[in-house]
């Protein structure tokens, strides 16, 4: 979340920045500043009360030592009253701090200065485009038809077992899925990311830590009995590895990667654009996460972009990169680039990765800090990206690599699949 001193010192800039998201922050910002003034006044009152109480306690000790018990007993009555006062002020302060935190949770991150204003994905800016869109044969099909033709993904069986949005991968389809996961992890670890195997269920504190709550409440699967959430992305458990951690500056940067299944309710999703693998309730994803010094985070951000580019170049898939506008940028992100792969049979672009810099927004919630060169505790920057989300990558491979004889496997994946064609 945003830091209160930052909001207080940059009030107009925060309001203007959040307007890029079509978020009217004026009233909330005023409430935050007013509540913070109340909090500071109560804290001063509490500090003064405790200081007076401590001073009198020392005086009482001295009076007893010098045999002035009567005077000491009079002062003891005053310390009793001061303790009652401090208890009442503490309760008021706790209440104000809780209300302030609730308000701060409602404020999204301020977009980076280079993020364009805009209302929706229609206003995103294409900043990069690479790869040749293949010309398919006359009988080319979308991936859901290819999945049925070659018996590699069974959507109807998944629907029977669980419901729509839970496909069953079979035979060479399951092998290709496993190959992609292994390939992505190998690419990430070769680039210096440490592999983690992470929990698939997380507690409420973890969801608040990365900004899924309260913003995405209702979009996650929730087990009310144990108060645990199925993860919507490995970003949640991966970033929470560093919750309540104080690092030394020489430990930065830190990069981790992990494969997890991901679960999203995707309420309200319908229509032709969600057919097949286009949008699922359960899907596999390999994530990269970085903890960076604030001075280096945007250089690291560009490095993550180049890393994802390299993967897509090896897969030889046509792709483009979009700089998201304010209205399409996720709640906790300061800047996000989306990667999209071209689905030739559907004649449309499919999002396959988002790479985001959250600056200090998540770190402030997580209390993720490092001790800087001056010996002071400073909030780190957090970043994450998909490298990659599997369903639409798989859809892109099936559609773009289809021939009349079968689906050719990208060369880089053959050592992982053990076969070169699905026929």
Protein backbone atom coordinates (compact mmCIF):
# COMPACT_ATOMS: atom_id res chain seq x y z
CA UNK A 1 0.00 0.00 0.00
CA UNK A 2 0.99 3.61 -0.32
CA UNK A 3 3.02 5.11 2.52
CA UNK A 4 1.23 7.77 4.54
CA UNK A 5 4.17 10.25 4.51
CA UNK A 6 4.28 9.92 0.71
CA UNK A 7 0.55 10.67 0.46
CA UNK A 8 0.86 13.58 2.87
CA UNK A 9 3.86 15.13 1.08
CA UNK A 10 2.60 14.45 -2.46
CA UNK A 11 -1.14 14.87 -2.09
CA UNK A 12 -1.88 16.41 -5.49
CA UNK A 13 0.53 14.10 -7.33
CA UNK A 14 -1.19 11.06 -5.78
CA UNK A 15 -4.64 12.32 -6.79
CA UNK A 16 -3.44 13.15 -10.32
CA UNK A 17 -1.59 9.86 -10.69
CA UNK A 18 -4.56 7.77 -9.58
CA UNK A 19 -6.76 9.70 -12.01
CA UNK A 20 -4.83 7.82 -14.75
CA UNK A 21 -6.62 4.75 -13.45
CA UNK A 22 -9.97 6.56 -13.58
CA UNK A 23 -9.83 6.40 -9.80
CA UNK A 24 -11.12 9.47 -7.99
CA UNK A 25 -8.87 9.51 -4.93
CA UNK A 26 -9.57 13.02 -3.64
CA UNK A 27 -11.98 12.07 -0.85
CA UNK A 28 -9.97 9.01 0.23
CA UNK A 29 -6.72 10.95 0.29
CA UNK A 30 -8.30 13.67 2.45
CA UNK A 31 -9.63 11.02 4.84
CA UNK A 32 -6.18 9.41 5.06
CA UNK A 33 -4.47 12.73 5.82
CA UNK A 34 -7.08 13.72 8.42
CA UNK A 35 -6.98 10.33 10.09
CA UNK A 36 -3.18 10.42 10.12
CA UNK A 37 -3.28 13.82 11.85
CA UNK A 38 -5.58 12.33 14.47
CA UNK A 39 -3.25 9.35 14.82
CA UNK A 40 -0.22 11.58 15.30
CA UNK A 41 -2.03 13.72 17.88
CA UNK A 42 -3.03 10.60 19.83
CA UNK A 43 0.51 9.21 19.59
CA UNK A 44 1.92 12.48 20.96
CA UNK A 45 -0.64 12.44 23.77
CA UNK A 46 0.22 8.83 24.61
CA UNK A 47 3.97 9.52 24.53
CA UNK A 48 3.55 12.52 26.84
CA UNK A 49 1.33 10.57 29.24
CA UNK A 50 3.78 7.67 29.40
CA UNK A 51 6.72 10.06 29.84
CA UNK A 52 4.94 11.83 32.72
CA UNK A 53 4.04 8.49 34.30
CA UNK A 54 7.65 7.28 34.08
CA UNK A 55 8.96 10.53 35.53
CA UNK A 56 6.56 10.35 38.49
CA UNK A 57 7.43 6.69 39.07
CA UNK A 58 11.10 7.65 39.42
CA UNK A 59 10.12 10.46 41.81
CA UNK A 60 8.07 8.02 43.90
CA UNK A 61 11.11 5.74 44.19
CA UNK A 62 13.26 8.60 45.39
CA UNK A 63 10.62 9.70 47.95
CA UNK A 64 10.42 6.20 49.45
CA UNK A 65 14.21 6.09 49.67
CA UNK A 66 14.26 9.36 51.65
CA UNK A 67 11.46 8.27 53.98
CA UNK A 68 8.74 10.48 52.48
CA UNK A 69 6.13 7.72 52.14
CA UNK A 70 3.11 10.03 52.51
CA UNK A 71 4.18 12.19 49.58
CA UNK A 72 4.99 9.05 47.57
CA UNK A 73 1.50 7.65 48.19
CA UNK A 74 -0.11 10.88 46.92
CA UNK A 75 1.89 10.62 43.68
CA UNK A 76 0.95 6.95 43.32
CA UNK A 77 -2.70 8.00 42.96
CA UNK A 78 -1.63 10.27 40.11
CA UNK A 79 0.23 7.44 38.32
CA UNK A 80 -2.88 5.27 38.61
CA UNK A 81 -4.90 7.99 36.86
CA UNK A 82 -2.19 8.36 34.20
CA UNK A 83 -2.22 4.60 33.54
CA UNK A 84 -5.98 4.74 33.00
CA UNK A 85 -5.49 7.68 30.64
CA UNK A 86 -2.77 5.87 28.68
CA UNK A 87 -4.96 2.78 28.39
CA UNK A 88 -7.85 4.84 27.00
CA UNK A 89 -5.58 6.70 24.55
CA UNK A 90 -3.99 3.41 23.43
CA UNK A 91 -7.43 1.99 22.61
CA UNK A 92 -8.28 5.16 20.65
CA UNK A 93 -4.96 4.99 18.83
CA UNK A 94 -5.41 1.32 17.91
CA UNK A 95 -8.87 2.08 16.53
CA UNK A 96 -7.61 5.01 14.44
CA UNK A 97 -4.66 2.97 13.12
CA UNK A 98 -7.00 0.15 12.09
CA UNK A 99 -9.32 2.59 10.32
CA UNK A 100 -6.33 4.19 8.60
CA UNK A 101 -5.07 0.81 7.38
CA UNK A 102 -8.54 0.00 6.01
CA UNK A 103 -8.51 3.26 4.04
CA UNK A 104 -5.00 2.64 2.71
CA UNK A 105 -6.05 -0.82 1.47
CA UNK A 106 -8.61 0.92 -0.76
CA UNK A 107 -6.00 3.03 -2.56
CA UNK A 108 -4.28 1.40 -5.56
CA UNK A 109 -0.68 2.07 -6.44
CA UNK A 110 0.20 5.32 -8.19
CA UNK A 111 1.20 4.53 -11.79
CA UNK A 112 4.71 5.30 -12.97
CA UNK A 113 5.02 8.63 -14.79
CA UNK A 114 5.43 6.87 -18.16
CA UNK A 115 2.15 4.92 -17.82
CA UNK A 116 -0.42 6.41 -20.21
CA UNK A 117 -3.88 7.39 -19.03
CA UNK A 118 -6.69 5.21 -20.33
CA UNK A 119 -9.89 3.44 -19.46
CA UNK A 120 -9.42 -0.13 -20.69
CA UNK A 121 -7.27 -2.52 -22.71
CA UNK A 122 -8.30 -0.57 -25.80
CA UNK A 123 -6.01 2.23 -24.62
CA UNK A 124 -2.88 0.09 -24.12
CA UNK A 125 0.18 0.99 -26.20
CA UNK A 126 1.95 -1.55 -28.40
CA UNK A 127 5.68 -0.95 -27.92
CA UNK A 128 7.21 -4.05 -29.54
CA UNK A 129 6.26 -6.63 -32.15
CA UNK A 130 8.36 -9.55 -33.38
CA UNK A 131 7.97 -12.76 -35.33
CA UNK A 132 6.30 -13.85 -38.53
CA UNK A 133 2.68 -14.94 -38.44
CA UNK A 134 2.60 -18.29 -40.24
CA UNK A 135 0.31 -18.89 -43.20
CA UNK A 136 -1.78 -21.93 -42.33
CA UNK A 137 -3.23 -24.55 -44.65
CA UNK A 138 -6.85 -24.27 -45.78
CA UNK A 139 -8.16 -26.75 -43.19
CA UNK A 140 -6.49 -25.08 -40.19
CA UNK A 141 -8.45 -25.28 -36.94
CA UNK A 142 -8.52 -23.52 -33.57
CA UNK A 143 -6.79 -25.32 -30.72
CA UNK A 144 -9.97 -26.72 -29.14
CA UNK A 145 -10.73 -28.58 -32.39
CA UNK A 146 -7.12 -29.74 -32.67
CA UNK A 147 -7.25 -30.96 -29.06
CA UNK A 148 -10.24 -33.14 -29.92
CA UNK A 149 -8.79 -34.30 -33.26
CA UNK A 150 -5.54 -35.53 -31.72
CA UNK A 151 -7.08 -36.54 -28.36
CA UNK A 152 -4.65 -34.45 -26.30
CA UNK A 153 -6.98 -32.25 -24.21
CA UNK A 154 -10.46 -33.30 -23.09
CA UNK A 155 -12.63 -30.33 -22.14
CA UNK A 156 -15.81 -32.39 -21.77
CA UNK A 157 -14.14 -34.85 -19.39
CA UNK A 158 -12.90 -31.95 -17.28
CA UNK A 159 -16.42 -30.54 -17.27
CA UNK A 160 -17.75 -33.88 -16.01
CA UNK A 161 -15.15 -34.17 -13.25
CA UNK A 162 -15.16 -30.55 -12.07
CA UNK A 163 -16.98 -28.13 -14.34
CA UNK A 164 -16.19 -25.76 -17.19
CA UNK A 165 -12.69 -24.34 -17.11
CA UNK A 166 -10.95 -27.47 -15.76
CA UNK A 167 -9.47 -29.31 -18.79
CA UNK A 168 -7.91 -32.78 -18.71
CA UNK A 169 -4.61 -33.10 -20.58
CA UNK A 170 -3.95 -36.53 -22.09
CA UNK A 171 -1.12 -38.42 -23.76
CA UNK A 172 1.08 -36.13 -25.81
CA UNK A 173 -0.92 -33.15 -24.56
CA UNK A 174 0.07 -33.94 -20.97
CA UNK A 175 3.68 -34.57 -22.07
CA UNK A 176 3.81 -31.23 -23.89
CA UNK A 177 2.39 -29.46 -20.83
CA UNK A 178 5.04 -31.05 -18.61
CA UNK A 179 7.75 -30.21 -21.16
CA UNK A 180 6.80 -26.53 -21.16
CA UNK A 181 6.93 -26.37 -17.35
CA UNK A 182 10.38 -28.01 -17.25
CA UNK A 183 11.67 -25.81 -20.09
CA UNK A 184 10.46 -22.59 -18.43
CA UNK A 185 11.99 -23.57 -15.08
CA UNK A 186 15.30 -24.47 -16.71
CA UNK A 187 15.39 -21.13 -18.55
CA UNK A 188 14.65 -19.25 -15.35
CA UNK A 189 17.19 -21.06 -13.19
CA UNK A 190 19.83 -20.63 -15.90
CA UNK A 191 19.13 -16.89 -15.69
CA UNK A 192 19.91 -16.93 -11.96
CA UNK A 193 16.49 -17.47 -10.40
CA UNK A 194 16.35 -19.92 -7.49
CA UNK A 195 13.62 -22.53 -7.89
CA UNK A 196 11.02 -22.84 -5.12
CA UNK A 197 8.20 -25.32 -4.64
CA UNK A 198 5.45 -23.25 -3.06
CA UNK A 199 2.16 -23.90 -1.23
CA UNK A 200 -0.99 -23.81 -3.35
CA UNK A 201 -3.12 -22.56 -0.46
CA UNK A 202 -2.31 -19.36 1.41
CA UNK A 203 -3.65 -17.50 4.42
CA UNK A 204 -5.40 -14.14 4.44
CA UNK A 205 -2.25 -12.26 5.47
CA UNK A 206 -0.49 -13.51 2.33
CA UNK A 207 -3.33 -12.28 0.12
CA UNK A 208 -3.25 -8.86 1.76
CA UNK A 209 0.53 -8.80 1.49
CA UNK A 210 0.59 -8.90 -2.31
CA UNK A 211 -2.58 -6.87 -2.86
CA UNK A 212 -5.06 -9.59 -3.88
CA UNK A 213 -7.16 -8.62 -0.89
CA UNK A 214 -9.32 -6.72 -0.56
CA UNK A 215 -9.19 -5.85 -4.29
CA UNK A 216 -9.74 -9.36 -5.69
CA UNK A 217 -12.06 -10.69 -3.00
CA UNK A 218 -14.68 -12.83 -4.72
CA UNK A 219 -12.36 -13.71 -7.58
CA UNK A 220 -10.40 -16.25 -5.54
CA UNK A 221 -11.51 -19.67 -4.34
CA UNK A 222 -11.83 -19.53 -0.55
CA UNK A 223 -12.09 -22.32 2.01
CA UNK A 224 -14.04 -20.64 4.82
CA UNK A 225 -13.53 -23.51 7.27
CA UNK A 226 -9.73 -23.10 7.38
CA UNK A 227 -9.75 -19.52 6.04
CA UNK A 228 -7.33 -20.42 3.25
CA UNK A 229 -7.29 -19.24 -0.37
CA UNK A 230 -6.32 -21.21 -3.47
CA UNK A 231 -3.60 -19.17 -5.14
CA UNK A 232 -4.48 -17.17 -8.28
CA UNK A 233 -0.75 -16.98 -9.11
CA UNK A 234 2.59 -18.10 -7.64
CA UNK A 235 3.25 -14.40 -7.05
CA UNK A 236 1.26 -14.68 -3.82
CA UNK A 237 3.18 -17.43 -1.97
CA UNK A 238 6.46 -16.52 -3.72
CA UNK A 239 6.47 -12.87 -2.69
CA UNK A 240 5.27 -13.74 0.83
CA UNK A 241 8.47 -15.73 1.31
CA UNK A 242 9.85 -12.29 2.18
CA UNK A 243 7.03 -11.03 4.43
CA UNK A 244 8.33 -9.50 7.69
CA UNK A 245 11.92 -9.90 6.50
CA UNK A 246 14.76 -7.42 7.06
CA UNK A 247 17.50 -8.00 4.49
CA UNK A 248 21.03 -6.70 4.33
CA UNK A 249 21.69 -4.50 1.31
CA UNK A 250 24.32 -6.95 0.02
CA UNK A 251 21.65 -9.67 -0.19
CA UNK A 252 19.93 -7.77 -3.01
CA UNK A 253 18.90 -8.56 -5.65
CA UNK A 254 16.97 -11.76 -5.00
CA UNK A 255 15.27 -13.73 -7.77
CA UNK A 256 13.08 -16.80 -7.35
CA UNK A 257 11.01 -18.91 -9.73
CA UNK A 258 8.35 -21.52 -9.19
CA UNK A 259 5.76 -23.61 -10.96
CA UNK A 260 2.25 -23.81 -9.52
CA UNK A 261 -1.24 -24.51 -10.68
CA UNK A 262 -3.32 -21.34 -10.43
CA UNK A 263 -7.00 -21.01 -9.56
CA UNK A 264 -9.30 -18.16 -10.57
CA UNK A 265 -13.06 -18.00 -10.41
CA UNK A 266 -13.19 -15.71 -13.47
CA UNK A 267 -16.77 -14.79 -12.60
CA UNK A 268 -18.70 -13.35 -15.52
CA UNK A 269 -16.45 -14.87 -18.22
CA UNK A 270 -18.43 -16.07 -21.21
CA UNK A 271 -18.56 -15.99 -24.99
CA UNK A 272 -16.39 -17.20 -27.86
CA UNK A 273 -13.27 -15.47 -26.53
CA UNK A 274 -13.10 -17.85 -23.55
CA UNK A 275 -13.36 -21.09 -25.52
CA UNK A 276 -10.85 -23.89 -25.06
CA UNK A 277 -7.69 -22.77 -23.26
CA UNK A 278 -8.39 -19.06 -23.64
CA UNK A 279 -9.69 -18.68 -20.10
CA UNK A 280 -9.67 -21.33 -17.38
CA UNK A 281 -10.47 -21.72 -13.70
CA UNK A 282 -7.38 -23.91 -13.20
CA UNK A 283 -4.19 -23.48 -15.20
CA UNK A 284 -0.44 -23.93 -14.87
CA UNK A 285 2.04 -21.09 -14.70
CA UNK A 286 5.74 -20.58 -14.06
CA UNK A 287 6.50 -17.31 -12.28
CA UNK A 288 9.59 -15.16 -11.76
CA UNK A 289 9.79 -12.86 -8.72
CA UNK A 290 12.42 -10.29 -7.84
CA UNK A 291 13.26 -8.29 -4.71
CA UNK A 292 15.35 -5.28 -5.72
CA UNK A 293 17.03 -2.16 -4.38
CA UNK A 294 14.83 0.82 -5.36
CA UNK A 295 17.69 2.29 -7.41
CA UNK A 296 17.88 -0.84 -9.59
CA UNK A 297 14.29 -2.01 -9.93
CA UNK A 298 13.52 -0.52 -13.34
CA UNK A 299 16.76 -1.88 -14.78
CA UNK A 300 15.71 -5.28 -13.39
CA UNK A 301 12.25 -4.74 -14.89
CA UNK A 302 13.78 -4.30 -18.35
CA UNK A 303 15.88 -7.41 -17.73
CA UNK A 304 12.73 -9.42 -17.01
CA UNK A 305 11.20 -8.16 -20.26
CA UNK A 306 14.26 -9.32 -22.21
CA UNK A 307 14.16 -12.69 -20.45
CA UNK A 308 10.55 -13.35 -21.53
CA UNK A 309 11.41 -12.17 -25.06
CA UNK A 310 14.20 -14.73 -25.19
CA UNK A 311 11.84 -17.57 -24.23
CA UNK A 312 9.33 -16.60 -26.93
CA UNK A 313 12.09 -16.28 -29.52
CA UNK A 314 13.24 -19.82 -28.73
CA UNK A 315 9.65 -21.06 -29.08
CA UNK A 316 9.49 -19.13 -32.39
CA UNK A 317 6.06 -17.69 -31.63
CA UNK A 318 4.98 -14.32 -33.02
CA UNK A 319 4.47 -11.94 -30.10
CA UNK A 320 3.99 -8.33 -29.14
CA UNK A 321 4.43 -6.27 -25.98
CA UNK A 322 1.91 -3.76 -24.66
CA UNK A 323 2.49 -1.04 -22.09
CA UNK A 324 -0.71 -1.08 -20.07
CA UNK A 325 -2.62 2.14 -19.59
CA UNK A 326 -3.66 3.31 -16.14
CA UNK A 327 -7.15 1.86 -16.44
CA UNK A 328 -5.83 -1.64 -17.26
CA UNK A 329 -2.91 -1.73 -14.80
CA UNK A 330 -3.42 -4.07 -11.85
CA UNK A 331 -4.31 -2.62 -8.44
CA UNK A 332 -0.85 -3.00 -6.78
CA UNK A 333 1.33 -2.36 -9.87
CA UNK A 334 3.15 0.86 -10.74
CA UNK A 335 3.85 -0.36 -14.28
CA UNK A 336 2.95 -3.47 -16.27
CA UNK A 337 3.95 -4.79 -19.67
CA UNK A 338 1.81 -7.52 -21.19
CA UNK A 339 3.13 -10.08 -23.67
CA UNK A 340 0.68 -11.45 -26.22
CA UNK A 341 1.16 -14.32 -28.66
CA UNK A 342 -0.69 -14.35 -31.96
CA UNK A 343 -3.22 -17.15 -32.32
CA UNK A 344 -3.29 -17.71 -36.07
CA UNK A 345 -6.35 -19.94 -36.20
CA UNK A 346 -8.36 -17.53 -34.01
CA UNK A 347 -6.87 -14.46 -35.74
CA UNK A 348 -6.37 -12.68 -32.43
CA UNK A 349 -3.75 -11.86 -29.81
CA UNK A 350 -3.71 -13.86 -26.56
CA UNK A 351 -2.09 -12.57 -23.36
CA UNK A 352 0.57 -14.99 -22.12
CA UNK A 353 2.56 -12.92 -19.62
CA UNK A 354 2.34 -9.83 -17.44
CA UNK A 355 5.55 -8.35 -16.04
CA UNK A 356 5.04 -5.77 -13.29
CA UNK A 357 7.02 -3.48 -11.02
CA UNK A 358 5.18 -2.81 -7.75
CA UNK A 359 7.87 -0.47 -6.39
CA UNK A 360 7.28 -0.25 -2.59
CA UNK A 361 3.53 -0.96 -2.69
CA UNK A 362 3.71 -4.67 -1.82
CA UNK A 363 6.82 -4.24 0.35
CA UNK A 364 4.97 -1.75 2.55
CA UNK A 365 2.19 -4.28 3.13
CA UNK A 366 4.68 -7.10 3.59
CA UNK A 367 7.04 -5.10 5.82
CA UNK A 368 9.81 -6.22 3.45
CA UNK A 369 12.81 -4.01 4.18
CA UNK A 370 16.57 -3.90 3.83
CA UNK A 371 19.21 -2.10 5.86
CA UNK A 372 20.74 0.49 3.54
CA UNK A 373 24.32 1.80 3.47
CA UNK A 374 23.42 4.45 6.06
CA UNK A 375 22.22 1.74 8.45
CA UNK A 376 18.57 2.74 8.06
CA UNK A 377 15.72 0.38 7.26
CA UNK A 378 14.29 1.01 3.77
CA UNK A 379 11.45 -0.63 1.83
CA UNK A 380 12.57 -2.86 -1.06
CA UNK A 381 10.95 -2.98 -4.49
CA UNK A 382 9.15 -6.13 -5.64
CA UNK A 383 8.60 -7.29 -9.23
CA UNK A 384 7.06 -10.34 -10.82
CA UNK A 385 6.23 -11.81 -14.19
CA UNK A 386 4.86 -14.90 -15.88
CA UNK A 387 7.57 -16.92 -17.56
CA UNK A 388 5.20 -18.22 -18.73
CA UNK A 389 1.47 -18.91 -18.33
CA UNK A 390 0.90 -22.22 -20.08
CA UNK A 391 -2.65 -22.35 -21.50
CA UNK A 392 -2.31 -19.66 -24.16
CA UNK A 393 1.30 -20.57 -24.94
CA UNK A 394 0.06 -24.09 -25.57
CA UNK A 395 -2.84 -22.74 -27.66
CA UNK A 396 -0.36 -20.69 -29.69
CA UNK A 397 1.87 -23.72 -30.31
CA UNK A 398 -1.01 -25.96 -31.32
CA UNK A 399 -2.44 -23.40 -33.75
CA UNK A 400 0.73 -21.86 -35.19
CA UNK A 401 2.60 -25.15 -35.59
CA UNK A 402 -0.28 -27.15 -37.12
CA UNK A 403 0.24 -28.77 -40.51
CA UNK A 404 -1.88 -31.17 -42.54
CA UNK A 405 0.28 -34.03 -41.20
CA UNK A 406 0.09 -33.01 -37.54
CA UNK A 407 1.33 -30.47 -35.01
CA UNK A 408 5.08 -29.88 -35.12
CA UNK A 409 6.84 -29.49 -31.77
CA UNK A 410 9.14 -26.43 -31.44
CA UNK A 411 12.78 -27.56 -31.66
CA UNK A 412 13.64 -26.27 -28.20
CA UNK A 413 10.98 -28.49 -26.61
CA UNK A 414 11.85 -31.80 -28.33
CA UNK A 415 14.48 -32.78 -25.71
CA UNK A 416 11.72 -32.36 -23.11
CA UNK A 417 8.85 -34.06 -24.97
CA UNK A 418 10.77 -36.93 -26.54
CA UNK A 419 8.72 -36.54 -29.73
CA UNK A 420 8.73 -34.06 -32.60
CA UNK A 421 5.12 -34.22 -33.83
CA UNK A 422 1.61 -34.77 -32.54
CA UNK A 423 -0.19 -36.85 -35.16
